[in-house]
Amino acid sequence: MHLNVSPVIVHENWLADWAELLEQVADSTTERTRAQLAAEIIFLTHNEGLHEVNLGWHPRGEDLLWRPDLQQTKRSESGQWYVPT
C-alpha cells in the first residue's frame, strides 16, 4: 500500500495536525497493512510569480502560504526558483 499525502502546508499547529492524521491512519489500518505501507509526503512549493498572482486572486490565502520566515529557496529540475511553504 502506498499513501500519498500532499500538499503539506506549514502553519502554527501543522505538526500536531499531522501527528493526528498519521495516528488516524495507524488506527484505521491493520498490522499487516502498516508493515507494507510506504508513504510519500510532499510539501507545497510556491514561487514568487505565483505569489504575485495569488495576491490578486486570494490575498487572504497568501497570508497562510507565503511565509518567508519559514521558507527555504530551492531550484526545481526545470530551473525555476521555488519557495516551499
PDB file of N, CA and C in Angstrom:
ATOM      1  N   MET A   1       0.850  -1.163   0.000  1.00  0.00           N
ATOM      2  CA  MET A   1       0.000   0.000   0.000  1.00  0.00           C
ATOM      3  C   MET A   1       0.898   1.230   0.000  1.00  0.00           C
ATOM      4  N   HIS A   2       0.522   2.202  -0.810  1.00  0.00           N
ATOM      5  CA  HIS A   2       1.272   3.458  -0.886  1.00  0.00           C
ATOM      6  C   HIS A   2       0.318   4.591  -0.537  1.00  0.00           C
ATOM      7  N   LEU A   3       0.734   5.401   0.392  1.00  0.00           N
ATOM      8  CA  LEU A   3      -0.051   6.552   0.836  1.00  0.00           C
ATOM      9  C   LEU A   3       0.643   7.820   0.355  1.00  0.00           C
ATOM     10  N   ASN A   4      -0.071   8.619  -0.425  1.00  0.00           N
ATOM     11  CA  ASN A   4       0.470   9.886  -0.914  1.00  0.00           C
ATOM     12  C   ASN A   4      -0.376  10.991  -0.311  1.00  0.00           C
ATOM     13  N   VAL A   5       0.254  11.830   0.497  1.00  0.00           N
ATOM     14  CA  VAL A   5      -0.454  12.913   1.162  1.00  0.00           C
ATOM     15  C   VAL A   5       0.223  14.219   0.773  1.00  0.00           C
ATOM     16  N   SER A   6      -0.549  15.101   0.168  1.00  0.00           N
ATOM     17  CA  SER A   6       0.018  16.384  -0.222  1.00  0.00           C
ATOM     18  C   SER A   6      -1.119  17.362  -0.497  1.00  0.00           C
ATOM     19  N   PRO A   7      -0.855  18.618  -0.439  1.00  0.00           N
ATOM     20  CA  PRO A   7       0.399  19.225  -0.039  1.00  0.00           C
ATOM     21  C   PRO A   7       0.415  19.500   1.465  1.00  0.00           C
ATOM     22  N   VAL A   8       1.576  19.463   2.029  1.00  0.00           N
ATOM     23  CA  VAL A   8       1.751  19.883   3.413  1.00  0.00           C
ATOM     24  C   VAL A   8       1.879  21.397   3.404  1.00  0.00           C
ATOM     25  N   ILE A   9       1.070  22.044   4.194  1.00  0.00           N
ATOM     26  CA  ILE A   9       1.150  23.498   4.340  1.00  0.00           C
ATOM     27  C   ILE A   9       1.561  23.779   5.781  1.00  0.00           C
ATOM     28  N   VAL A  10       2.696  24.414   5.941  1.00  0.00           N
ATOM     29  CA  VAL A  10       3.212  24.707   7.279  1.00  0.00           C
ATOM     30  C   VAL A  10       2.433  25.887   7.859  1.00  0.00           C
ATOM     31  N   HIS A  11       1.899  25.679   9.039  1.00  0.00           N
ATOM     32  CA  HIS A  11       1.209  26.738   9.772  1.00  0.00           C
ATOM     33  C   HIS A  11       1.492  26.524  11.250  1.00  0.00           C
ATOM     34  N   GLU A  12       0.906  27.322  12.092  1.00  0.00           N
ATOM     35  CA  GLU A  12       1.265  27.316  13.507  1.00  0.00           C
ATOM     36  C   GLU A  12       1.180  25.930  14.150  1.00  0.00           C
ATOM     37  N   ASN A  13       0.145  25.167  13.878  1.00  0.00           N
ATOM     38  CA  ASN A  13      -0.043  23.862  14.520  1.00  0.00           C
ATOM     39  C   ASN A  13       0.106  22.688  13.567  1.00  0.00           C
ATOM     40  N   TRP A  14       0.888  22.849  12.508  1.00  0.00           N
ATOM     41  CA  TRP A  14       0.934  21.814  11.480  1.00  0.00           C
ATOM     42  C   TRP A  14       1.459  20.484  11.993  1.00  0.00           C
ATOM     43  N   LEU A  15       2.426  20.495  12.882  1.00  0.00           N
ATOM     44  CA  LEU A  15       2.968  19.224  13.386  1.00  0.00           C
ATOM     45  C   LEU A  15       1.926  18.446  14.174  1.00  0.00           C
ATOM     46  N   ALA A  16       1.160  19.120  14.995  1.00  0.00           N
ATOM     47  CA  ALA A  16       0.108  18.454  15.758  1.00  0.00           C
ATOM     48  C   ALA A  16      -0.973  17.910  14.824  1.00  0.00           C
ATOM     49  N   ASP A  17      -1.332  18.680  13.811  1.00  0.00           N
ATOM     50  CA  ASP A  17      -2.336  18.227  12.843  1.00  0.00           C
ATOM     51  C   ASP A  17      -1.856  16.977  12.103  1.00  0.00           C
ATOM     52  N   TRP A  18      -0.590  16.983  11.713  1.00  0.00           N
ATOM     53  CA  TRP A  18      -0.046  15.820  11.005  1.00  0.00           C
ATOM     54  C   TRP A  18       0.078  14.620  11.916  1.00  0.00           C
ATOM     55  N   ALA A  19       0.438  14.822  13.153  1.00  0.00           N
ATOM     56  CA  ALA A  19       0.505  13.712  14.104  1.00  0.00           C
ATOM     57  C   ALA A  19      -0.876  13.075  14.247  1.00  0.00           C
ATOM     58  N   GLU A  20      -1.906  13.901  14.340  1.00  0.00           N
ATOM     59  CA  GLU A  20      -3.272  13.386  14.454  1.00  0.00           C
ATOM     60  C   GLU A  20      -3.672  12.605  13.199  1.00  0.00           C
ATOM     61  N   LEU A  21      -3.360  13.140  12.020  1.00  0.00           N
ATOM     62  CA  LEU A  21      -3.681  12.443  10.778  1.00  0.00           C
ATOM     63  C   LEU A  21      -2.989  11.088  10.705  1.00  0.00           C
ATOM     64  N   LEU A  22      -1.702  11.054  11.014  1.00  0.00           N
ATOM     65  CA  LEU A  22      -0.957   9.804  10.934  1.00  0.00           C
ATOM     66  C   LEU A  22      -1.426   8.801  11.995  1.00  0.00           C
ATOM     67  N   GLU A  23      -1.844   9.280  13.154  1.00  0.00           N
ATOM     68  CA  GLU A  23      -2.432   8.391  14.154  1.00  0.00           C
ATOM     69  C   GLU A  23      -3.744   7.793  13.658  1.00  0.00           C
ATOM     70  N   GLN A  24      -4.544   8.594  12.949  1.00  0.00           N
ATOM     71  CA  GLN A  24      -5.790   8.084  12.381  1.00  0.00           C
ATOM     72  C   GLN A  24      -5.507   7.005  11.337  1.00  0.00           C
ATOM     73  N   VAL A  25      -4.486   7.224  10.519  1.00  0.00           N
ATOM     74  CA  VAL A  25      -4.108   6.207   9.535  1.00  0.00           C
ATOM     75  C   VAL A  25      -3.680   4.931  10.255  1.00  0.00           C
ATOM     76  N   ALA A  26      -2.842   5.062  11.267  1.00  0.00           N
ATOM     77  CA  ALA A  26      -2.375   3.891  12.022  1.00  0.00           C
ATOM     78  C   ALA A  26      -3.540   3.158  12.679  1.00  0.00           C
ATOM     79  N   ASP A  27      -4.457   3.895  13.253  1.00  0.00           N
ATOM     80  CA  ASP A  27      -5.595   3.286  13.943  1.00  0.00           C
ATOM     81  C   ASP A  27      -6.590   2.638  12.982  1.00  0.00           C
ATOM     82  N   SER A  28      -6.553   3.046  11.714  1.00  0.00           N
ATOM     83  CA  SER A  28      -7.516   2.557  10.729  1.00  0.00           C
ATOM     84  C   SER A  28      -6.960   1.445   9.845  1.00  0.00           C
ATOM     85  N   THR A  29      -5.736   1.040  10.078  1.00  0.00           N
ATOM     86  CA  THR A  29      -5.122   0.002   9.261  1.00  0.00           C
ATOM     87  C   THR A  29      -4.668  -1.158  10.142  1.00  0.00           C
ATOM     88  N   THR A  30      -4.541  -2.310   9.517  1.00  0.00           N
ATOM     89  CA  THR A  30      -4.096  -3.497  10.255  1.00  0.00           C
ATOM     90  C   THR A  30      -2.576  -3.501  10.380  1.00  0.00           C
ATOM     91  N   GLU A  31      -2.087  -4.335  11.274  1.00  0.00           N
ATOM     92  CA  GLU A  31      -0.635  -4.501  11.450  1.00  0.00           C
ATOM     93  C   GLU A  31       0.009  -4.945  10.134  1.00  0.00           C
ATOM     94  N   ARG A  32      -0.641  -5.854   9.439  1.00  0.00           N
ATOM     95  CA  ARG A  32      -0.118  -6.342   8.154  1.00  0.00           C
ATOM     96  C   ARG A  32      -0.016  -5.212   7.131  1.00  0.00           C
ATOM     97  N   THR A  33      -1.034  -4.380   7.078  1.00  0.00           N
ATOM     98  CA  THR A  33      -1.016  -3.235   6.156  1.00  0.00           C
ATOM     99  C   THR A  33       0.085  -2.257   6.532  1.00  0.00           C
ATOM    100  N   ARG A  34       0.198  -1.924   7.812  1.00  0.00           N
ATOM    101  CA  ARG A  34       1.235  -0.986   8.254  1.00  0.00           C
ATOM    102  C   ARG A  34       2.636  -1.511   7.933  1.00  0.00           C
ATOM    103  N   ALA A  35       2.834  -2.810   8.010  1.00  0.00           N
ATOM    104  CA  ALA A  35       4.149  -3.394   7.719  1.00  0.00           C
ATOM    105  C   ALA A  35       4.523  -3.219   6.253  1.00  0.00           C
ATOM    106  N   GLN A  36       3.537  -3.084   5.386  1.00  0.00           N
ATOM    107  CA  GLN A  36       3.777  -2.951   3.949  1.00  0.00           C
ATOM    108  C   GLN A  36       3.613  -1.518   3.444  1.00  0.00           C
ATOM    109  N   LEU A  37       3.224  -0.651   4.318  1.00  0.00           N
ATOM    110  CA  LEU A  37       2.874   0.715   3.923  1.00  0.00           C
ATOM    111  C   LEU A  37       4.103   1.540   3.559  1.00  0.00           C
ATOM    112  N   ALA A  38       4.023   2.200   2.434  1.00  0.00           N
ATOM    113  CA  ALA A  38       5.015   3.198   2.038  1.00  0.00           C
ATOM    114  C   ALA A  38       4.277   4.537   1.973  1.00  0.00           C
ATOM    115  N   ALA A  39       4.968   5.598   2.273  1.00  0.00           N
ATOM    116  CA  ALA A  39       4.313   6.899   2.283  1.00  0.00           C
ATOM    117  C   ALA A  39       5.164   7.928   1.557  1.00  0.00           C
ATOM    118  N   GLU A  40       4.485   8.842   0.907  1.00  0.00           N
ATOM    119  CA  GLU A  40       5.124   9.981   0.253  1.00  0.00           C
ATOM    120  C   GLU A  40       4.382  11.215   0.743  1.00  0.00           C
ATOM    121  N   ILE A  41       5.113  12.113   1.348  1.00  0.00           N
ATOM    122  CA  ILE A  41       4.520  13.337   1.869  1.00  0.00           C
ATOM    123  C   ILE A  41       5.219  14.506   1.198  1.00  0.00           C
ATOM    124  N   ILE A  42       4.452  15.337   0.518  1.00  0.00           N
ATOM    125  CA  ILE A  42       5.016  16.396  -0.316  1.00  0.00           C
ATOM    126  C   ILE A  42       4.620  17.761   0.239  1.00  0.00           C
ATOM    127  N   PHE A  43       5.622  18.581   0.475  1.00  0.00           N
ATOM    128  CA  PHE A  43       5.359  19.942   0.918  1.00  0.00           C
ATOM    129  C   PHE A  43       4.938  20.798  -0.271  1.00  0.00           C
ATOM    130  N   LEU A  44       4.030  21.700  -0.034  1.00  0.00           N
ATOM    131  CA  LEU A  44       3.608  22.648  -1.054  1.00  0.00           C
ATOM    132  C   LEU A  44       4.790  23.537  -1.413  1.00  0.00           C
ATOM    133  N   THR A  45       5.025  23.717  -2.697  1.00  0.00           N
ATOM    134  CA  THR A  45       6.049  24.662  -3.117  1.00  0.00           C
ATOM    135  C   THR A  45       5.370  25.860  -3.763  1.00  0.00           C
ATOM    136  N   HIS A  46       6.043  26.951  -3.704  1.00  0.00           N
ATOM    137  CA  HIS A  46       5.454  28.209  -4.129  1.00  0.00           C
ATOM    138  C   HIS A  46       6.564  29.035  -4.763  1.00  0.00           C
ATOM    139  N   ASN A  47       6.245  29.841  -5.747  1.00  0.00           N
ATOM    140  CA  ASN A  47       7.267  30.726  -6.298  1.00  0.00           C
ATOM    141  C   ASN A  47       6.755  32.158  -6.284  1.00  0.00           C
ATOM    142  N   GLU A  48       7.667  33.083  -6.444  1.00  0.00           N
ATOM    143  CA  GLU A  48       7.312  34.492  -6.303  1.00  0.00           C
ATOM    144  C   GLU A  48       6.292  34.939  -7.344  1.00  0.00           C
ATOM    145  N   GLY A  49       6.398  34.400  -8.569  1.00  0.00           N
ATOM    146  CA  GLY A  49       5.425  34.751  -9.608  1.00  0.00           C
ATOM    147  C   GLY A  49       4.022  34.320  -9.230  1.00  0.00           C
ATOM    148  N   LEU A  50       3.900  33.092  -8.739  1.00  0.00           N
ATOM    149  CA  LEU A  50       2.597  32.594  -8.303  1.00  0.00           C
ATOM    150  C   LEU A  50       2.093  33.385  -7.101  1.00  0.00           C
ATOM    151  N   HIS A  51       2.996  33.745  -6.220  1.00  0.00           N
ATOM    152  CA  HIS A  51       2.622  34.568  -5.068  1.00  0.00           C
ATOM    153  C   HIS A  51       1.978  35.877  -5.529  1.00  0.00           C
ATOM    154  N   GLU A  52       2.583  36.523  -6.516  1.00  0.00           N
ATOM    155  CA  GLU A  52       2.042  37.795  -7.020  1.00  0.00           C
ATOM    156  C   GLU A  52       0.664  37.593  -7.636  1.00  0.00           C
ATOM    157  N   VAL A  53       0.474  36.518  -8.411  1.00  0.00           N
ATOM    158  CA  VAL A  53      -0.836  36.217  -8.999  1.00  0.00           C
ATOM    159  C   VAL A  53      -1.855  35.974  -7.893  1.00  0.00           C
ATOM    160  N   ASN A  54      -1.482  35.167  -6.913  1.00  0.00           N
ATOM    161  CA  ASN A  54      -2.406  34.835  -5.827  1.00  0.00           C
ATOM    162  C   ASN A  54      -2.788  36.053  -4.992  1.00  0.00           C
ATOM    163  N   LEU A  55      -1.908  37.012  -4.878  1.00  0.00           N
ATOM    164  CA  LEU A  55      -2.264  38.235  -4.145  1.00  0.00           C
ATOM    165  C   LEU A  55      -3.466  38.923  -4.776  1.00  0.00           C
ATOM    166  N   GLY A  56      -3.571  38.845  -6.095  1.00  0.00           N
ATOM    167  CA  GLY A  56      -4.719  39.430  -6.783  1.00  0.00           C
ATOM    168  C   GLY A  56      -5.973  38.585  -6.656  1.00  0.00           C
ATOM    169  N   TRP A  57      -5.823  37.280  -6.596  1.00  0.00           N
ATOM    170  CA  TRP A  57      -6.977  36.377  -6.553  1.00  0.00           C
ATOM    171  C   TRP A  57      -7.412  36.024  -5.137  1.00  0.00           C
ATOM    172  N   HIS A  58      -6.436  35.667  -4.292  1.00  0.00           N
ATOM    173  CA  HIS A  58      -6.743  35.155  -2.957  1.00  0.00           C
ATOM    174  C   HIS A  58      -5.776  35.732  -1.924  1.00  0.00           C
ATOM    175  N   PRO A  59      -5.826  37.025  -1.694  1.00  0.00           N
ATOM    176  CA  PRO A  59      -4.834  37.631  -0.793  1.00  0.00           C
ATOM    177  C   PRO A  59      -4.861  37.054   0.614  1.00  0.00           C
ATOM    178  N   ARG A  60      -6.021  36.673   1.120  1.00  0.00           N
ATOM    179  CA  ARG A  60      -6.070  36.099   2.477  1.00  0.00           C
ATOM    180  C   ARG A  60      -5.408  34.731   2.512  1.00  0.00           C
ATOM    181  N   GLY A  61      -5.528  33.972   1.429  1.00  0.00           N
ATOM    182  CA  GLY A  61      -4.861  32.673   1.358  1.00  0.00           C
ATOM    183  C   GLY A  61      -3.356  32.822   1.371  1.00  0.00           C
ATOM    184  N   GLU A  62      -2.868  33.868   0.767  1.00  0.00           N
ATOM    185  CA  GLU A  62      -1.429  34.096   0.736  1.00  0.00           C
ATOM    186  C   GLU A  62      -0.869  34.381   2.124  1.00  0.00           C
ATOM    187  N   ASP A  63      -1.714  34.850   3.039  1.00  0.00           N
ATOM    188  CA  ASP A  63      -1.260  35.029   4.422  1.00  0.00           C
ATOM    189  C   ASP A  63      -0.802  33.701   5.009  1.00  0.00           C
ATOM    190  N   LEU A  64      -1.427  32.595   4.568  1.00  0.00           N
ATOM    191  CA  LEU A  64      -1.044  31.267   5.039  1.00  0.00           C
ATOM    192  C   LEU A  64       0.088  30.671   4.219  1.00  0.00           C
ATOM    193  N   LEU A  65       0.093  30.938   2.918  1.00  0.00           N
ATOM    194  CA  LEU A  65       1.033  30.264   2.021  1.00  0.00           C
ATOM    195  C   LEU A  65       2.388  30.943   1.902  1.00  0.00           C
ATOM    196  N   TRP A  66       2.417  32.239   1.972  1.00  0.00           N
ATOM    197  CA  TRP A  66       3.672  32.972   1.742  1.00  0.00           C
ATOM    198  C   TRP A  66       4.282  33.323   3.087  1.00  0.00           C
ATOM    199  N   ARG A  67       5.237  32.522   3.544  1.00  0.00           N
ATOM    200  CA  ARG A  67       5.843  32.691   4.859  1.00  0.00           C
ATOM    201  C   ARG A  67       7.366  32.724   4.723  1.00  0.00           C
ATOM    202  N   PRO A  68       7.942  33.851   4.292  1.00  0.00           N
ATOM    203  CA  PRO A  68       9.397  33.932   4.136  1.00  0.00           C
ATOM    204  C   PRO A  68      10.164  33.583   5.406  1.00  0.00           C
ATOM    205  N   ASP A  69       9.538  33.763   6.565  1.00  0.00           N
ATOM    206  CA  ASP A  69      10.214  33.437   7.817  1.00  0.00           C
ATOM    207  C   ASP A  69      10.417  31.932   7.992  1.00  0.00           C
ATOM    208  N   LEU A  70       9.663  31.110   7.247  1.00  0.00           N
ATOM    209  CA  LEU A  70       9.759  29.656   7.353  1.00  0.00           C
ATOM    210  C   LEU A  70      10.307  28.995   6.093  1.00  0.00           C
ATOM    211  N   GLN A  71      10.407  29.732   5.026  1.00  0.00           N
ATOM    212  CA  GLN A  71      10.672  29.137   3.726  1.00  0.00           C
ATOM    213  C   GLN A  71      12.157  29.064   3.398  1.00  0.00           C
ATOM    214  N   GLN A  72      12.491  28.045   2.620  1.00  0.00           N
ATOM    215  CA  GLN A  72      13.842  27.886   2.101  1.00  0.00           C
ATOM    216  C   GLN A  72      13.749  27.862   0.581  1.00  0.00           C
ATOM    217  N   THR A  73      14.596  28.609  -0.054  1.00  0.00           N
ATOM    218  CA  THR A  73      14.590  28.677  -1.507  1.00  0.00           C
ATOM    219  C   THR A  73      15.258  27.438  -2.088  1.00  0.00           C
ATOM    220  N   LYS A  74      14.694  26.927  -3.183  1.00  0.00           N
ATOM    221  CA  LYS A  74      15.317  25.816  -3.900  1.00  0.00           C
ATOM    222  C   LYS A  74      15.071  26.003  -5.378  1.00  0.00           C
ATOM    223  N   ARG A  75      15.910  25.368  -6.182  1.00  0.00           N
ATOM    224  CA  ARG A  75      15.754  25.415  -7.634  1.00  0.00           C
ATOM    225  C   ARG A  75      15.168  24.088  -8.099  1.00  0.00           C
ATOM    226  N   SER A  76      14.128  24.166  -8.930  1.00  0.00           N
ATOM    227  CA  SER A  76      13.489  22.961  -9.441  1.00  0.00           C
ATOM    228  C   SER A  76      14.333  22.350 -10.550  1.00  0.00           C
ATOM    229  N   GLU A  77      13.947  21.150 -10.978  1.00  0.00           N
ATOM    230  CA  GLU A  77      14.655  20.493 -12.075  1.00  0.00           C
ATOM    231  C   GLU A  77      14.574  21.315 -13.361  1.00  0.00           C
ATOM    232  N   SER A  78      13.499  22.109 -13.492  1.00  0.00           N
ATOM    233  CA  SER A  78      13.346  22.932 -14.698  1.00  0.00           C
ATOM    234  C   SER A  78      14.088  24.264 -14.595  1.00  0.00           C
ATOM    235  N   GLY A  79      14.720  24.516 -13.440  1.00  0.00           N
ATOM    236  CA  GLY A  79      15.499  25.732 -13.279  1.00  0.00           C
ATOM    237  C   GLY A  79      14.781  26.868 -12.607  1.00  0.00           C
ATOM    238  N   GLN A  80      13.482  26.692 -12.290  1.00  0.00           N
ATOM    239  CA  GLN A  80      12.738  27.755 -11.615  1.00  0.00           C
ATOM    240  C   GLN A  80      13.087  27.765 -10.134  1.00  0.00           C
ATOM    241  N   TRP A  81      13.003  28.929  -9.537  1.00  0.00           N
ATOM    242  CA  TRP A  81      13.204  29.066  -8.101  1.00  0.00           C
ATOM    243  C   TRP A  81      11.876  28.890  -7.401  1.00  0.00           C
ATOM    244  N   TYR A  82      11.835  27.998  -6.448  1.00  0.00           N
ATOM    245  CA  TYR A  82      10.638  27.749  -5.658  1.00  0.00           C
ATOM    246  C   TYR A  82      10.903  28.025  -4.202  1.00  0.00           C
ATOM    247  N   VAL A  83       9.843  28.350  -3.506  1.00  0.00           N
ATOM    248  CA  VAL A  83       9.938  28.601  -2.073  1.00  0.00           C
ATOM    249  C   VAL A  83       8.945  27.659  -1.411  1.00  0.00           C
ATOM    250  N   PRO A  84       9.408  26.595  -0.731  1.00  0.00           N
ATOM    251  CA  PRO A  84       8.468  25.711  -0.045  1.00  0.00           C
ATOM    252  C   PRO A  84       7.693  26.465   1.011  1.00  0.00           C
ATOM    253  N   THR A  85       6.437  26.116   1.164  1.00  0.00           N
ATOM    254  CA  THR A  85       5.605  26.745   2.189  1.00  0.00           C
ATOM    255  C   THR A  85       5.189  25.730   3.204  1.00  0.00           C
TER     256      THR A  85
END
